[in-house]
C-alpha atoms as a PDB file:
ATOM      1  CA  MET A   1     -10.540  68.964  55.600  1.00  0.00           C
ATOM      2  CA  LYS A   2      -8.019  71.510  54.324  1.00  0.00           C
ATOM      3  CA  GLN A   3      -6.022  68.859  52.565  1.00  0.00           C
ATOM      4  CA  LYS A   4      -8.929  67.635  50.554  1.00  0.00           C
ATOM      5  CA  HIS A   5      -9.628  71.188  49.567  1.00  0.00           C
ATOM      6  CA  ARG A   6      -6.102  71.834  48.596  1.00  0.00           C
ATOM      7  CA  ASN A   7      -5.915  68.668  46.525  1.00  0.00           C
ATOM      8  CA  ALA A   8      -9.062  69.562  44.733  1.00  0.00           C
ATOM      9  CA  GLN A   9      -7.232  72.639  43.466  1.00  0.00           C
ATOM     10  CA  ARG A  10      -4.239  70.892  42.065  1.00  0.00           C
ATOM     11  CA  PRO A  11      -3.882  70.722  38.328  1.00  0.00           C
ATOM     12  CA  PRO A  12      -4.149  67.360  36.663  1.00  0.00           C
ATOM     13  CA  LEU A  13      -1.336  64.922  37.076  1.00  0.00           C
ATOM     14  CA  SER A  14      -0.311  65.097  33.357  1.00  0.00           C
ATOM     15  CA  ARG A  15       0.066  68.927  33.614  1.00  0.00           C
ATOM     16  CA  ARG A  16       2.248  68.538  36.783  1.00  0.00           C
ATOM     17  CA  VAL A  17       4.403  65.846  35.153  1.00  0.00           C
ATOM     18  CA  GLY A  18       4.854  67.968  32.179  1.00  0.00           C
ATOM     19  CA  ARG A  19       5.868  71.017  34.209  1.00  0.00           C
ATOM     20  CA  VAL A  20       8.512  68.864  36.133  1.00  0.00           C
ATOM     21  CA  PHE A  21       9.738  67.510  32.726  1.00  0.00           C
ATOM     22  CA  VAL A  22      10.040  71.028  31.210  1.00  0.00           C
ATOM     23  CA  LEU A  23      11.880  72.434  34.384  1.00  0.00           C
ATOM     24  CA  SER A  24      14.225  69.504  34.422  1.00  0.00           C
ATOM     25  CA  LEU A  25      15.021  69.937  30.727  1.00  0.00           C
ATOM     26  CA  MET A  26      15.638  73.637  31.173  1.00  0.00           C
ATOM     27  CA  LEU A  27      18.061  72.930  33.998  1.00  0.00           C
ATOM     28  CA  SER A  28      19.856  70.180  32.153  1.00  0.00           C
ATOM     29  CA  ILE A  29      20.443  71.891  28.733  1.00  0.00           C
ATOM     30  CA  PRO A  30      22.999  74.529  30.079  1.00  0.00           C
ATOM     31  CA  THR A  31      24.875  71.662  31.847  1.00  0.00           C
ATOM     32  CA  LEU A  32      24.894  69.584  28.692  1.00  0.00           C
ATOM     33  CA  LEU A  33      26.187  72.550  26.713  1.00  0.00           C
ATOM     34  CA  ILE A  34      28.923  73.195  29.125  1.00  0.00           C
ATOM     35  CA  ASN A  35      29.955  69.507  29.157  1.00  0.00           C
ATOM     36  CA  LEU A  36      30.026  69.491  25.285  1.00  0.00           C
ATOM     37  CA  LEU A  37      32.268  72.583  25.275  1.00  0.00           C
ATOM     38  CA  ILE A  38      34.756  71.051  27.777  1.00  0.00           C
ATOM     39  CA  GLN A  39      34.687  67.625  26.152  1.00  0.00           C
ATOM     40  CA  GLY A  40      35.007  69.231  22.729  1.00  0.00           C
ATOM     41  CA  GLY A  41      37.933  71.413  23.819  1.00  0.00           C
ATOM     42  CA  LYS A  42      39.705  68.339  25.210  1.00  0.00           C
ATOM     43  CA  GLU A  43      39.002  66.095  22.187  1.00  0.00           C
ATOM     44  CA  PHE A  44      40.002  68.754  19.524  1.00  0.00           C
ATOM     45  CA  ARG A  45      42.839  70.569  21.375  1.00  0.00           C
ATOM     46  CA  SER A  46      45.544  69.450  18.867  1.00  0.00           C
ATOM     47  CA  GLU A  47      43.489  70.459  15.826  1.00  0.00           C
ATOM     48  CA  ILE A  48      42.798  73.902  17.555  1.00  0.00           C
ATOM     49  CA  GLU A  49      46.488  74.518  18.177  1.00  0.00           C
ATOM     50  CA  THR A  50      47.465  73.508  14.663  1.00  0.00           C
ATOM     51  CA  CYS A  51      44.862  75.975  13.280  1.00  0.00           C
ATOM     52  CA  ARG A  52      46.100  78.736  15.549  1.00  0.00           C
ATOM     53  CA  LYS A  53      49.818  78.129  14.573  1.00  0.00           C
ATOM     54  CA  TYR A  54      48.678  78.071  10.850  1.00  0.00           C
ATOM     55  CA  ARG A  55      46.881  81.245  11.331  1.00  0.00           C
ATOM     56  CA  LYS A  56      49.810  82.946  13.034  1.00  0.00           C
ATOM     57  CA  ILE A  57      52.233  81.788  10.255  1.00  0.00           C
ATOM     58  CA  THR A  58      49.865  83.005   7.458  1.00  0.00           C
ATOM     59  CA  GLN A  59      49.420  86.374   9.196  1.00  0.00           C
ATOM     60  CA  ASN A  60      53.184  86.709   9.523  1.00  0.00           C
ATOM     61  CA  MET A  61      53.681  85.912   5.979  1.00  0.00           C
ATOM     62  CA  LYS A  62      51.081  88.523   4.817  1.00  0.00           C
ATOM     63  CA  ARG A  63      52.877  91.179   7.010  1.00  0.00           C
ATOM     64  CA  GLU A  64      56.236  90.348   5.415  1.00  0.00           C
ATOM     65  CA  ASP A  65      54.700  90.589   1.940  1.00  0.00           C
ATOM     66  CA  ARG A  66      53.702  94.269   2.529  1.00  0.00           C
END
């Protein structure tokens, strides 16, 4: 008897499915962002290094001009 009573108080199936979907999405978004950062860092490592070297060179040139 208690199970029937408990089932009667459950929200409708669509609301429960929606809640599960939202929770899974909330948990997967941070993982997706972390993976994108890691993969992006690996993919563009050479460009990032080139940019850093260029920035250092230009900063040194500006210091020498003073």
